Amino acid sequence: MAVSPHHLLAATMVASVAREYGQLEALVDLSQMTATSTEESHQQRLHWLAEQVLDWSGLPVVHIRPTVFLDTPLFTDLAARTIKENSTIALPFGTGRTSPVAVDDVARVLATVLRDPALHIGQVYELTGPRSVDMTELATEFSRALGREVSYVDLPPQRWEEQLPKLGLPPHVVQHVITMAKLHRDNRYDRTTDGVERVTGVPPQSIEAFVAPRKNFYLG
């Protein structure tokens, strides 16, 4: 489910229907690694509460907790815009480190779990990319993938936040994105796990490997 103020309601409805059905082999919950951080972001709080509801339901649940996606607009649409304009990635992440994971890798984990769910019931899988990088290192991986020098520009948070409503994002999404940026500045995304490889047997793709096939998207 996309970022939504109705996340908890939806999870509760799913749990209620699944309990009524009574024959569910597995319920795989796509949560967030930051679901354990409930104070800053309303969305993270909803994910945490949804996990509690699903656990209380007694259903055969598996929780999948990816970190920030490589496919997020922060690293795709917004990055492509500034790379085309002036060969920069401009975000207010400071010196914080991050280990973004590709949606394709998360999908492989989900597919593996769903093929034989009995092995995974009750597990929590936290998913990251292969290594944690600061934004300068991230820009270096973009440079190698694109064959063009890309540098990181650290934007003042307030200036960046003022631009978000102009993108047409709902207030709930704006609040979540602002919180993600703050958590990055506070180095709360600096972590790596072996979750993708442990479940699928194949390591997650690097930032460079993610960007290279999308060269035309980033360079226009």
Foldseek 3Di string as FASTA:
>chain_A
DPQDLCLLVVLLVVLVVCVVVPPDPEDEAEAAPLLVVQPQAVSSVSRVNSVVSNVVSPGQYEYEHEYAACPPCLNAVQLLVVCQVPQEREAQLAFAKAFHFHPVLVVLLVVLCVVPVVVGGPYYFYAGAPAIDGVQVLQVLLCVLQVHRHGYHNDDLVVVLVCVVVVVDDPSVSSVVSSVSVCSNVNVRHDHDQRSCVRRVDHTDHSNVVCNVVNVSSND
